[in-house]
Amino acid sequence: MSIIITVLLLGIIVFIHEFGHFITAKMFHMPVLEFAVGMGPKLISKKVKTTVYSIRAIPFGGFVSIDGMEVETGKEVENGFNTQNPLKRLVVLSAGVFMNFLSGIIALFILFSITGVVSTKDIPAKIKNVSVSAEANNVLQKGDIITSFNGNKINNWQELTKNIIELNTGGYNGQEIDLKVLRDNKEIDVKTKLTSGEGNNYILGVEVDAPKMNPLDRAKLSFLSFFKIMEEMIKGLAGLVTGKVGLNNLTGPVGLTKVVGEAYSSGGFIILLNFFVLISLNIGLLNLLPFPALDGGRIIFVFLEMIGIKINKKLEEKFHIVGFSLLIGLMVFVVFNDIKNF
């Protein structure tokens, strides 16, 4: 079951990516020879006008073949990719990544709409209720916003929680806590003690006043989450380049089946939606890298042409062939690493 789910998940993401290339190429009247989901031998194919639509045997990857993209001696295709102006080529090359990013943001919006969950980083430390058994019951009130905890500035609910956890870790012994509270637009100083909770932990005994999100709030949070996820992914890639993160930490399609299967069994559709976001953004970011054969590598050559630096097309094609070979080698390594880890 996990294999089927993973294949479907990757198939949808690849389809969205390739559809971006396909629809923009068609928009500019470039001759599209084939739109394929999967790699290897064709399983199903149908030709409609001048384009073959196919599903191939290896259910990972896909491509859009645009006539005139590969250099052939003595042949110049009418309206072919390389005969188009650089701006049109740039749009077509960028469209796959754009679609991955856009679909990831839409999936985040759907996720927030279904769950109503807001990141604690985006929630002010505003109190909805104070437990009647809490030490803070006579000190804190509904509507109070905590702005400082023992001298540490508090910007959101996550920071408040972190400070309480750190106090527990250090060994809380019943001492009073200094708080700054925003009440009726005035900041006041109060003191209170933590209250004994479950598992020998001490709590403040208050409930967060999580804001209700309208569609505009969810859209804003979706974009903010997109940028935060991208930031973490870029840090991960930087770690690979600098050697801080080893190649053995990479997970490919084989390893993904195990991870997705375990996650789906515990969290169902919501977890799959999370995975869709992460994989889609990963694929988009990886394709944007300035590496030969990837979209980003081809974009670099178009940029060079746009600023007046022309590279021989045959030489460029050789770069992409070498890059593609290296990518295949990396994929083989990742697959064997996945099998070993299984």
Protein backbone atom coordinates (compact mmCIF):
# COMPACT_ATOMS: atom_id res chain seq x y z
CA MET A 1 0.00 0.00 0.00
CA SER A 2 2.83 2.39 0.89
CA ILE A 3 4.37 1.85 -2.57
CA ILE A 4 1.09 2.73 -4.31
CA ILE A 5 0.65 5.87 -2.16
CA THR A 6 4.24 7.00 -2.81
CA VAL A 7 3.94 6.40 -6.57
CA LEU A 8 0.67 8.36 -6.69
CA LEU A 9 2.12 11.18 -4.58
CA LEU A 10 5.26 11.51 -6.69
CA GLY A 11 3.26 11.07 -9.91
CA ILE A 12 0.98 13.99 -9.04
CA ILE A 13 3.94 16.22 -8.10
CA VAL A 14 5.88 15.34 -11.27
CA PHE A 15 2.76 15.85 -13.39
CA ILE A 16 2.28 19.34 -11.91
CA HIS A 17 5.94 20.21 -12.55
CA GLU A 18 5.93 19.00 -16.15
CA PHE A 19 2.53 20.55 -16.81
CA GLY A 20 4.14 23.93 -16.08
CA HIS A 21 6.70 23.35 -18.86
CA PHE A 22 4.03 21.91 -21.16
CA ILE A 23 1.42 24.65 -20.87
CA THR A 24 3.90 27.52 -21.28
CA ALA A 25 5.52 25.83 -24.29
CA LYS A 26 2.09 25.42 -25.87
CA MET A 27 1.28 29.04 -25.01
CA PHE A 28 4.30 30.16 -27.03
CA HIS A 29 3.42 27.73 -29.87
CA MET A 30 6.54 25.64 -29.37
CA PRO A 31 6.25 22.12 -30.86
CA VAL A 32 5.87 19.71 -27.92
CA LEU A 33 6.81 16.19 -29.03
CA GLU A 34 5.95 14.33 -25.82
CA PHE A 35 4.52 14.89 -22.34
CA ALA A 36 5.61 11.92 -20.20
CA VAL A 37 5.03 10.95 -16.58
CA GLY A 38 7.61 8.37 -15.50
CA MET A 39 10.78 7.22 -17.24
CA GLY A 40 11.85 4.20 -19.28
CA PRO A 41 9.68 2.21 -21.71
CA LYS A 42 6.18 3.46 -22.53
CA LEU A 43 3.29 1.67 -20.87
CA ILE A 44 0.46 3.79 -22.25
CA SER A 45 0.71 6.45 -24.93
CA LYS A 46 -1.65 8.41 -27.12
CA LYS A 47 -0.82 10.93 -29.81
CA VAL A 48 -3.06 13.97 -30.02
CA LYS A 49 -2.22 16.16 -33.01
CA THR A 50 1.56 16.59 -32.78
CA THR A 51 2.05 15.64 -29.11
CA VAL A 52 2.42 12.17 -27.57
CA TYR A 53 1.04 11.83 -24.03
CA SER A 54 2.56 8.85 -22.22
CA ILE A 55 2.91 7.02 -18.91
CA ARG A 56 6.22 5.19 -18.65
CA ALA A 57 7.33 2.09 -16.75
CA ILE A 58 9.58 3.64 -14.05
CA PRO A 59 7.15 5.62 -11.87
CA PHE A 60 9.64 8.29 -10.79
CA GLY A 61 10.42 11.39 -12.85
CA GLY A 62 8.99 12.65 -16.10
CA PHE A 63 9.73 15.04 -18.93
CA VAL A 64 8.37 17.33 -21.60
CA SER A 65 10.17 17.00 -24.91
CA ILE A 66 10.14 20.29 -26.82
CA ASP A 67 11.38 20.14 -30.39
CA GLY A 68 14.42 22.28 -31.06
CA MET A 69 15.78 22.11 -27.50
CA GLU A 70 18.53 19.65 -28.38
CA VAL A 71 21.05 20.80 -30.96
CA GLU A 72 21.10 18.79 -34.18
CA THR A 73 23.53 19.53 -36.98
CA GLY A 74 21.92 21.26 -39.94
CA LYS A 75 18.46 21.32 -38.40
CA GLU A 76 16.56 24.35 -37.18
CA VAL A 77 13.00 23.60 -36.08
CA GLU A 78 10.34 26.15 -36.90
CA ASN A 79 9.18 27.73 -33.63
CA GLY A 80 11.57 25.32 -31.88
CA PHE A 81 12.79 26.02 -28.37
CA ASN A 82 16.18 27.46 -29.36
CA THR A 83 14.65 29.74 -32.00
CA GLN A 84 12.52 31.53 -29.37
CA ASN A 85 13.64 34.74 -27.70
CA PRO A 86 15.40 34.30 -24.31
CA LEU A 87 12.48 35.63 -22.26
CA LYS A 88 10.09 32.98 -23.61
CA ARG A 89 12.66 30.25 -22.97
CA LEU A 90 13.16 31.56 -19.45
CA VAL A 91 9.41 31.38 -18.77
CA VAL A 92 9.18 27.79 -20.04
CA LEU A 93 12.22 26.65 -18.04
CA SER A 94 10.99 28.33 -14.85
CA ALA A 95 7.38 27.19 -15.15
CA GLY A 96 7.95 23.72 -13.64
CA VAL A 97 9.53 25.12 -10.49
CA PHE A 98 6.84 27.81 -10.29
CA MET A 99 4.11 25.14 -10.42
CA ASN A 100 5.80 23.13 -7.64
CA PHE A 101 6.01 26.20 -5.42
CA LEU A 102 2.45 27.30 -6.23
CA SER A 103 0.97 23.84 -5.59
CA GLY A 104 2.89 23.68 -2.30
CA ILE A 105 1.41 27.00 -1.16
CA ILE A 106 -2.10 25.87 -2.21
CA ALA A 107 -1.62 22.61 -0.27
CA LEU A 108 -0.57 24.61 2.80
CA PHE A 109 -3.71 26.74 2.45
CA ILE A 110 -5.86 23.57 2.27
CA LEU A 111 -4.00 22.14 5.27
CA PHE A 112 -4.64 25.23 7.40
CA SER A 113 -8.27 25.33 6.22
CA ILE A 114 -8.88 21.71 7.26
CA THR A 115 -7.01 21.68 10.56
CA GLY A 116 -7.36 25.31 11.63
CA VAL A 117 -3.90 24.83 13.15
CA VAL A 118 -1.76 27.94 13.50
CA SER A 119 1.97 27.74 14.18
CA THR A 120 2.81 28.81 17.73
CA LYS A 121 5.32 31.19 16.17
CA ASP A 122 2.39 33.10 14.69
CA ILE A 123 0.24 33.26 17.84
CA PRO A 124 0.68 36.11 20.34
CA ALA A 125 1.09 35.05 23.99
CA LYS A 126 -2.51 36.13 24.65
CA ILE A 127 -4.48 34.43 27.40
CA LYS A 128 -7.91 32.96 26.70
CA ASN A 129 -8.51 31.40 30.12
CA VAL A 130 -6.68 30.96 33.43
CA SER A 131 -7.18 27.68 35.30
CA VAL A 132 -8.99 28.14 38.62
CA SER A 133 -6.39 25.87 40.27
CA ALA A 134 -3.41 27.80 38.87
CA GLU A 135 -1.19 29.93 41.09
CA ALA A 136 -1.63 32.65 38.46
CA ASN A 137 -5.43 32.67 38.80
CA ASN A 138 -5.51 35.84 40.90
CA VAL A 139 -2.75 37.54 38.92
CA LEU A 140 -3.42 36.94 35.22
CA GLN A 141 -6.67 37.68 33.39
CA LYS A 142 -8.40 36.74 30.18
CA GLY A 143 -7.09 38.98 27.38
CA ASP A 144 -3.67 39.59 28.97
CA ILE A 145 -0.74 39.44 26.56
CA ILE A 146 2.52 38.26 28.16
CA THR A 147 5.42 40.33 26.81
CA SER A 148 8.23 39.30 29.18
CA PHE A 149 9.08 36.18 31.21
CA ASN A 150 11.81 36.57 33.86
CA GLY A 151 13.38 39.37 31.84
CA ASN A 152 13.19 37.50 28.51
CA LYS A 153 11.18 39.24 25.81
CA ILE A 154 8.17 37.21 24.64
CA ASN A 155 6.97 37.76 21.06
CA ASN A 156 4.73 34.71 20.65
CA TRP A 157 3.28 31.65 22.33
CA GLN A 158 6.21 29.45 21.27
CA GLU A 159 8.71 31.67 23.09
CA LEU A 160 6.59 31.60 26.26
CA THR A 161 6.40 27.79 26.12
CA LYS A 162 10.15 27.56 25.53
CA ASN A 163 10.90 29.68 28.62
CA ILE A 164 8.64 27.53 30.81
CA ILE A 165 10.29 24.34 29.51
CA GLU A 166 13.76 25.75 30.19
CA LEU A 167 12.71 26.64 33.74
CA ASN A 168 11.50 23.06 34.28
CA THR A 169 14.71 21.64 32.81
CA GLY A 170 16.82 23.79 35.13
CA GLY A 171 14.89 22.52 38.15
CA TYR A 172 12.02 24.75 39.22
CA ASN A 173 11.81 25.04 43.02
CA GLY A 174 8.74 27.18 43.54
CA GLN A 175 10.27 30.62 43.07
CA GLU A 176 8.17 33.53 41.82
CA ILE A 177 8.25 34.43 38.12
CA ASP A 178 8.52 38.03 36.95
CA LEU A 179 6.09 38.75 34.12
CA LYS A 180 5.33 41.81 32.06
CA VAL A 181 1.73 41.84 30.84
CA LEU A 182 -0.05 44.05 28.35
CA ARG A 183 -3.49 44.78 29.80
CA ASP A 184 -5.87 47.45 28.47
CA ASN A 185 -3.00 48.83 26.34
CA LYS A 186 -0.83 49.31 29.42
CA GLU A 187 2.19 47.18 30.34
CA ILE A 188 2.22 46.13 33.97
CA ASP A 189 4.60 44.06 36.13
CA VAL A 190 3.22 41.01 37.95
CA LYS A 191 4.65 38.10 39.91
CA THR A 192 3.33 34.56 40.11
CA LYS A 193 4.42 30.98 40.67
CA LEU A 194 4.12 28.01 38.35
CA THR A 195 1.61 25.27 39.13
CA SER A 196 2.40 21.56 39.39
CA GLY A 197 1.22 19.72 36.29
CA GLU A 198 1.51 16.22 34.82
CA GLY A 199 4.76 14.28 34.96
CA ASN A 200 6.40 16.46 37.64
CA ASN A 201 6.36 19.42 35.28
CA TYR A 202 5.30 22.91 36.26
CA ILE A 203 2.94 24.99 34.13
CA LEU A 204 1.64 28.55 34.08
CA GLY A 205 -1.93 27.21 33.90
CA VAL A 206 -3.23 29.39 31.08
CA GLU A 207 -4.90 28.62 27.74
CA VAL A 208 -3.81 30.33 24.54
CA ASP A 209 -6.22 32.62 22.74
CA ALA A 210 -5.53 31.31 19.22
CA PRO A 211 -6.88 33.67 16.58
CA LYS A 212 -9.58 32.49 14.20
CA MET A 213 -8.29 32.65 10.65
CA ASN A 214 -10.27 33.99 7.74
CA PRO A 215 -9.23 33.03 4.16
CA LEU A 216 -6.90 36.04 3.94
CA ASP A 217 -5.17 35.02 7.21
CA ARG A 218 -4.77 31.46 5.93
CA ALA A 219 -3.31 32.73 2.65
CA LYS A 220 -0.85 34.93 4.53
CA LEU A 221 0.15 32.07 6.83
CA SER A 222 0.57 29.76 3.80
CA PHE A 223 3.07 32.15 2.21
CA LEU A 224 4.91 32.66 5.52
CA SER A 225 5.12 28.89 6.04
CA PHE A 226 6.36 28.46 2.46
CA PHE A 227 9.27 30.84 3.08
CA LYS A 228 10.10 29.20 6.43
CA ILE A 229 10.18 25.72 4.88
CA MET A 230 12.30 26.98 1.99
CA GLU A 231 14.73 28.55 4.45
CA GLU A 232 15.18 25.22 6.24
CA MET A 233 15.64 23.37 2.94
CA ILE A 234 18.28 25.85 1.78
CA LYS A 235 20.13 25.35 5.08
CA GLY A 236 20.01 21.59 4.46
CA LEU A 237 21.42 21.98 0.95
CA ALA A 238 24.15 24.27 2.28
CA GLY A 239 24.99 21.54 4.80
CA LEU A 240 25.41 19.02 1.97
CA VAL A 241 27.72 21.38 0.08
CA THR A 242 29.86 22.18 3.14
CA GLY A 243 29.93 18.56 4.31
CA LYS A 244 28.04 19.21 7.55
CA VAL A 245 25.32 16.88 6.24
CA GLY A 246 26.47 13.58 4.73
CA LEU A 247 25.14 12.06 1.51
CA ASN A 248 23.98 9.08 3.57
CA ASN A 249 21.25 11.34 4.96
CA LEU A 250 19.66 11.68 1.52
CA THR A 251 16.43 9.76 0.96
CA GLY A 252 15.24 8.72 -2.50
CA PRO A 253 12.08 7.11 -3.87
CA VAL A 254 12.76 3.71 -2.25
CA GLY A 255 13.30 5.13 1.22
CA LEU A 256 10.36 7.45 0.74
CA THR A 257 7.95 4.49 0.44
CA LYS A 258 8.82 3.42 3.98
CA VAL A 259 8.57 6.93 5.44
CA VAL A 260 5.30 7.73 3.64
CA GLY A 261 3.78 4.36 4.61
CA GLU A 262 4.56 4.80 8.31
CA ALA A 263 3.35 8.40 8.28
CA TYR A 264 0.10 7.57 6.48
CA SER A 265 -0.72 4.76 8.90
CA SER A 266 -0.42 7.18 11.83
CA GLY A 267 -1.82 10.41 10.36
CA GLY A 268 -3.81 9.63 7.21
CA PHE A 269 -4.64 12.30 4.66
CA ILE A 270 -3.36 15.24 6.75
CA ILE A 271 0.13 13.70 6.95
CA LEU A 272 0.07 12.99 3.20
CA LEU A 273 -0.76 16.63 2.57
CA ASN A 274 2.25 17.61 4.67
CA PHE A 275 4.44 15.25 2.64
CA PHE A 276 3.03 16.67 -0.59
CA VAL A 277 4.15 20.14 0.51
CA LEU A 278 7.64 19.02 1.52
CA ILE A 279 8.29 16.88 -1.56
CA SER A 280 6.86 19.44 -3.97
CA LEU A 281 8.99 22.25 -2.54
CA ASN A 282 12.04 19.96 -2.48
CA ILE A 283 11.62 19.05 -6.14
CA GLY A 284 11.09 22.70 -7.05
CA LEU A 285 14.18 23.85 -5.15
CA LEU A 286 16.41 21.05 -6.50
CA ASN A 287 15.35 21.83 -10.07
CA LEU A 288 16.23 25.47 -9.49
CA LEU A 289 19.86 24.65 -8.63
CA PRO A 290 22.33 26.00 -11.25
CA PHE A 291 23.46 22.50 -12.19
CA PRO A 292 23.70 21.25 -15.81
CA ALA A 293 20.65 19.27 -17.02
CA LEU A 294 18.42 20.73 -14.29
CA ASP A 295 16.06 23.61 -15.06
CA GLY A 296 18.33 25.92 -13.07
CA GLY A 297 21.34 24.91 -15.15
CA ARG A 298 19.53 25.71 -18.40
CA ILE A 299 18.25 29.00 -16.92
CA ILE A 300 21.85 30.10 -16.26
CA PHE A 301 22.70 29.76 -19.97
CA VAL A 302 19.60 31.78 -20.91
CA PHE A 303 20.57 34.51 -18.43
CA LEU A 304 24.06 34.65 -19.94
CA GLU A 305 22.52 35.08 -23.37
CA MET A 306 20.23 37.83 -22.08
CA ILE A 307 23.24 39.86 -20.88
CA GLY A 308 25.06 39.37 -24.17
CA ILE A 309 27.22 36.33 -23.42
CA LYS A 310 26.46 33.68 -26.04
CA ILE A 311 27.57 30.10 -25.45
CA ASN A 312 27.83 27.69 -28.36
CA LYS A 313 24.69 25.53 -28.26
CA LYS A 314 26.59 22.32 -28.94
CA LEU A 315 28.94 23.07 -26.04
CA GLU A 316 25.97 23.85 -23.80
CA GLU A 317 24.37 20.53 -24.75
CA LYS A 318 27.57 18.70 -23.76
CA PHE A 319 27.42 20.38 -20.33
CA HIS A 320 23.87 19.14 -19.87
CA ILE A 321 24.77 15.59 -20.95
CA VAL A 322 27.59 15.47 -18.38
CA GLY A 323 25.28 16.93 -15.73
CA PHE A 324 22.58 14.38 -16.53
CA SER A 325 25.12 11.53 -16.19
CA LEU A 326 26.20 12.84 -12.78
CA LEU A 327 22.58 13.10 -11.67
CA ILE A 328 21.92 9.49 -12.73
CA GLY A 329 25.00 8.44 -10.73
CA LEU A 330 23.69 10.30 -7.67
CA MET A 331 20.27 8.71 -8.07
CA VAL A 332 21.82 5.21 -8.23
CA PHE A 333 23.80 5.99 -5.04
CA VAL A 334 20.68 7.22 -3.23
CA VAL A 335 18.65 4.16 -4.30
CA PHE A 336 21.35 1.76 -3.06
CA ASN A 337 21.60 3.77 0.16
CA ASP A 338 17.82 3.49 0.60
CA ILE A 339 17.95 -0.28 0.08
CA LYS A 340 20.79 -0.58 2.60
CA ASN A 341 18.85 1.46 5.16
CA PHE A 342 15.72 -0.63 4.60
